[in-house]
Amino acid sequence: MNRYPLWKYLIIAAVLVWATLYTLPNFFGEAPAVQVSSAKTVVKITPETEKTVAEALKAANVQPELLLRDANSIRARFADVDAQAKASDIIKKTLNPDSSDESYTVSLNLTPRTPKWLMDIHALPMYLGLDLRGGIHLMMQVDVKAAVAQKADARVGELRRFLREKDLRPSSANLKGTDITLEFADAARANAAAAALKLQFQEQTFTPQPAAADGSVALLASYTPEAILKIQENALKQNINTLHNRVNELGVAEPVIQQQGIDRIVVQLAGVQDMARVQQIIGRIATLQTRMVDESIEGRAAEFGTGSVPLGSERYLDTDKRPVIVKRDVVFTGDNLTDAWVDQDNNGQAAVGVSLDSAGAAAFRQVTGENIGKRMAILLFEKGKGEVITAPVIQARLGDRFVITGRMSTQEAADTALLLRAGSLAAPMEIIEERTIGPSLGAQNVKAGFDSVLWGFVAVAVFMCIYYAVFGMFSAVALAFNLLMLVAALSMMQATLTLPGMAAMALVLGMAIDANVLVNERIREELREGASPQKAITAGYENAWATIFDSNVTSFIAGAALLAFGTGPVRGFAVVHCLGILTSIFSSVFFSRGLVNWWYGGKKKLQSLSIGTVWKPEGADKTAALDDEAADDTAALSQA
């Protein structure tokens, strides 16, 4: 009556092995480490880089406990912080002999002490948040006004091209702040231009100004308040996406990058202690522009160093330090790019594919159609300095998708695609607050959180054992199994555990034991009503299941709402809460009944259950004994 088939016990055993293996890495702690990552997109982490680091450390008699390389970084783990500091200096001098032009970022970090055999099966510890692990907290101020100014600067060229197509070319176009002044020869042309512009550029207003003495009329193009707000919001979102892309490419594990207020971004890098290196990582964020190369005689002369830069053009260097003279007019900016990828040209050579949004495509289509055979430069601006990353020749009129060709390797094409895809900031930013949280403070928080979960578990287990005797022990074991599964699931997901997450763990313990209390009380009720012990076990679990399911579903809905609409610590709490509900259903019903069936299921003519005090009506024991005898006779007949 109360026996599990073998396959159910095999499931329990498999889950127990899985939960144990994936929980183990969390008990080994972390060790000081040195992380090496690329400081330039054109510089990659290769096996040769790993070999160079290993040889430099060996020559200096600094032996790391473990040296690991992945696609984005190399991590060397050490026994103590003294060896970590010494190794950091050695690696910096080896990989960056020229301190003025660093190719690699060498930063102090923390890495798990997980044994390699666990890492080989991808059993890794949970990430710990900034409040538990220590690390760096940055508050960044986004210059949203500059975003509007950049948009207005690019809009000047768009308005000129549009009016040229309509044969309404203005005599001049000047930008002052975010307002654009378009000069026309007479009022008729100004009115015609205003009518056409209003249909095409609805986010701006076009107001005719009083006529000048010579009869010319100016149109004042101004962004509407709604358009300005939208530009600022989009700039903030794009900056957040760009920060995510750049920090992820540099190998910083589980960064937290989120908006705070209307013009600020919070960046949290758990486990990183080197503020100078973090500022270098953040400082690499670039803005992207596309301009035409000045192919005039004066421009070519300036490019070869035999003349001055023409009016309306600027001089920049390419990646090989050769000068390129480009015009000031911007064709499109990085916020017009929707994607960039590695492609091939007609000859099968590596190239970069690019796609643009509608606004960028319209401008690009017109400019390329008018400049076939000429060069177009793609510039990347980092820390206020511009560099031409490529200047391909326009071979045909292009639209929203095109290919950048040139003599480049597949790796160079991938590097260029990364710069195009992730290198553009819609607005400048500056760090207004920086804070380093030491690992000792994080360790104190971990201990406090661990103690709260441990003592909460002990208190619940002691109460259950006292109140429900052997069934209380079953409940305590099921509760421990539930906690084991929860930690294993979080580790397998590589979730980030924060203090709110540890609070959710403590809450899950209290919620999980509710199911066992319901089952135990149902069994008690059946015993009070005179049911035999074996029947009481069966009826107790079956009758409690509906209540357990309903209560957990309602709690899961609340947790899902927190997960969907919450941010930051609230989402961390919700993840642990929802996972805890799923694991508690399995442990409190499936696993705990497996324990009960293993302990009591094979006992014939069971007279009583160790489930605490049960008050029975008179004659209940006799009825229960008759029920057990009948059940045994039925079982014997069925076997015969």
Foldseek 3Di string as FASTA:
>chain_A
DQFDPPVLVVVVVVLLVLLVLLLVLQPQFKFKKKKKFWLALLDWDDVVLQVQLCVLCVVVVLAFPDWDDDRTIIIGGHHHVVSRVVSLVSSCCRQCVPPVDHGMQIFMFMDGPDDVVSVVVVRHAFAAFCQQFWFKKFKKFFPLLVLLVVVLLQVQLVLQVVCVVVVLHFPDWDDDRNKIKTKHQAPVSLVVSQVVCCVVPVQWHWDWDDADPNHMIIIIIDGDPVRSLVSQQVLVVLLQQLLVLQVVSNPQPPWDWDDDPSGMIMITGGGTFDPVSVCSSSLQFKKKFKFFFPPDPQSVCVQVPNHDQDPQWDWAAAPVRRITITGPRTLDILVQWDAKDWDADPVRAIWMKTFGDQSSQVSQLVVLQVFQQGWMFMWIAGPNGIYTHDIAGRHHRGGRMDIGDDPDHSSSNHSVRSCSNNRHRSTDMDTPDMDTTDSVSSNVLVVVLVVLQVVLLVVQLVVLCVAFPPLSPLLSVLLVSLLSSLSSVSSSVSHHAYSLLSVLSSVLSVLLSVLSVQLLVQLLVCLQAQAANVVSNVRSLVVSLVVLVVVLVVQLVVLVVQCVPPDDSSVSNSVSNNSSSVSSSCSNRSVSSNVVCVVPVPDQQDQDDRTHDHDHDPPSSVSNSVNSVVVVVVVVVVVD
